[in-house]
Protein backbone atom coordinates (compact mmCIF):
# COMPACT_ATOMS: atom_id res chain seq x y z
CA UNK A 1 -29.55 33.99 -9.93
CA UNK A 2 -27.37 32.32 -7.54
CA UNK A 3 -30.30 31.06 -5.30
CA UNK A 4 -30.69 27.55 -6.60
CA UNK A 5 -33.44 26.52 -3.86
CA UNK A 6 -36.53 27.79 -5.66
CA UNK A 7 -36.90 30.84 -3.65
CA UNK A 8 -39.83 33.01 -3.11
CA UNK A 9 -40.00 36.59 -4.18
CA UNK A 10 -39.69 37.59 -0.48
CA UNK A 11 -36.65 35.45 -0.10
CA UNK A 12 -34.97 37.13 -2.80
CA UNK A 13 -35.87 40.43 -1.11
CA UNK A 14 -34.38 39.42 1.91
CA UNK A 15 -30.92 38.57 0.33
CA UNK A 16 -31.08 41.78 -2.07
CA UNK A 17 -31.87 44.03 0.87
CA UNK A 18 -28.49 42.97 2.62
CA UNK A 19 -26.83 44.61 -0.14
CA UNK A 20 -29.37 47.45 -1.14
CA UNK A 21 -30.97 48.33 2.16
CA UNK A 22 -33.23 51.03 0.50
CA UNK A 23 -35.01 48.47 -2.12
CA UNK A 24 -38.51 47.91 -1.71
CA UNK A 25 -40.62 44.46 -2.06
CA UNK A 26 -42.38 46.05 -4.93
CA UNK A 27 -39.01 46.78 -6.80
CA UNK A 28 -37.97 43.23 -6.28
CA UNK A 29 -41.28 41.93 -7.71
CA UNK A 30 -41.11 44.32 -10.74
CA UNK A 31 -37.45 43.14 -11.36
CA UNK A 32 -38.53 39.39 -11.12
CA UNK A 33 -41.41 40.07 -13.59
CA UNK A 34 -38.84 41.32 -15.89
CA UNK A 35 -36.64 38.50 -15.60
CA UNK A 36 -39.52 36.06 -16.03
CA UNK A 37 -40.82 37.88 -19.13
CA UNK A 38 -37.31 37.80 -20.70
CA UNK A 39 -36.80 34.31 -20.03
CA UNK A 40 -34.01 34.60 -17.43
CA UNK A 41 -36.15 32.94 -14.70
CA UNK A 42 -39.08 30.53 -14.65
CA UNK A 43 -41.98 30.36 -12.22
CA UNK A 44 -42.37 27.07 -10.44
CA UNK A 45 -46.21 25.93 -10.36
CA UNK A 46 -48.23 28.23 -7.87
CA UNK A 47 -49.51 25.18 -5.93
CA UNK A 48 -46.86 25.77 -3.27
CA UNK A 49 -48.58 28.67 -1.40
CA UNK A 50 -46.53 31.62 -3.04
CA UNK A 51 -44.73 32.02 -6.17
CA UNK A 52 -41.49 30.22 -6.32
CA UNK A 53 -38.57 31.02 -8.87
CA UNK A 54 -35.89 28.85 -10.29
CA UNK A 55 -32.89 29.73 -12.50
CA UNK A 56 -32.51 26.26 -13.94
CA UNK A 57 -33.81 26.68 -17.54
CA UNK A 58 -33.04 23.18 -18.63
CA UNK A 59 -35.91 20.54 -19.14
CA UNK A 60 -36.58 19.20 -15.69
CA UNK A 61 -39.27 18.43 -13.23
CA UNK A 62 -39.70 18.78 -9.48
CA UNK A 63 -39.86 16.67 -6.23
CA UNK A 64 -42.12 18.49 -3.94
CA UNK A 65 -42.23 18.01 -0.07
CA UNK A 66 -45.73 18.08 1.06
CA UNK A 67 -44.81 19.11 4.45
CA UNK A 68 -42.06 21.87 4.39
CA UNK A 69 -42.75 22.74 0.63
CA UNK A 70 -39.29 22.21 -0.35
CA UNK A 71 -38.58 21.74 -4.06
CA UNK A 72 -35.88 19.74 -5.67
CA UNK A 73 -35.14 19.45 -9.44
CA UNK A 74 -35.80 16.08 -10.87
CA UNK A 75 -33.65 15.84 -14.08
CA UNK A 76 -35.51 15.17 -17.46
CA UNK A 77 -33.68 12.11 -18.07
CA UNK A 78 -34.54 10.60 -14.92
CA UNK A 79 -38.21 9.94 -16.21
CA UNK A 80 -39.33 7.96 -19.15
CA UNK A 81 -40.21 10.21 -22.23
CA UNK A 82 -43.50 11.88 -21.76
CA UNK A 83 -46.20 12.25 -24.32
CA UNK A 84 -49.93 12.93 -24.57
CA UNK A 85 -52.13 9.81 -25.21
CA UNK A 86 -54.37 11.99 -27.28
CA UNK A 87 -54.10 15.34 -28.80
CA UNK A 88 -54.91 18.37 -26.75
CA UNK A 89 -58.01 20.53 -27.25
CA UNK A 90 -58.22 22.14 -30.63
CA UNK A 91 -56.09 25.17 -30.68
CA UNK A 92 -54.15 24.31 -27.48
CA UNK A 93 -50.30 24.51 -28.27
CA UNK A 94 -48.25 22.41 -25.72
CA UNK A 95 -44.74 24.44 -24.87
CA UNK A 96 -43.49 22.05 -22.34
CA UNK A 97 -44.48 19.22 -19.84
CA UNK A 98 -43.69 19.62 -16.17
CA UNK A 99 -44.10 16.69 -13.63
CA UNK A 100 -44.43 17.09 -9.78
CA UNK A 101 -43.61 14.33 -7.83
CA UNK A 102 -45.24 14.85 -4.35
CA UNK A 103 -43.84 13.41 -1.14
CA UNK A 104 -41.89 14.10 2.00
CA UNK A 105 -38.33 15.09 1.92
CA UNK A 106 -35.65 13.42 3.98
CA UNK A 107 -35.84 15.79 6.66
CA UNK A 108 -39.66 15.64 7.10
CA UNK A 109 -39.85 11.73 6.48
CA UNK A 110 -37.45 11.55 9.48
CA UNK A 111 -39.74 13.72 11.87
CA UNK A 112 -42.79 11.49 11.07
């Protein structure tokens, strides 16, 4: 829960393993699923190569570096209000909106 950089399950495993050397990656995945199911964590879009997790449950969006895959939060209030121009297909229930702004982070932009 202290990791604020949208870690992968493998990164969580690396941190947890330092405190609990006998823990398995499978146990970490099962625990993450429990946290996701209970609403303590949220999964960031899977378009980034592997699952990425976040603890920020406030409405927000993401800035995603196309080179290094770093993800930064973009506060909801930094965008104009979003709405659909027409209703979604019959029966589809919108739960939330998510905007991903793709580009290069400062470190990758400097590398060109």
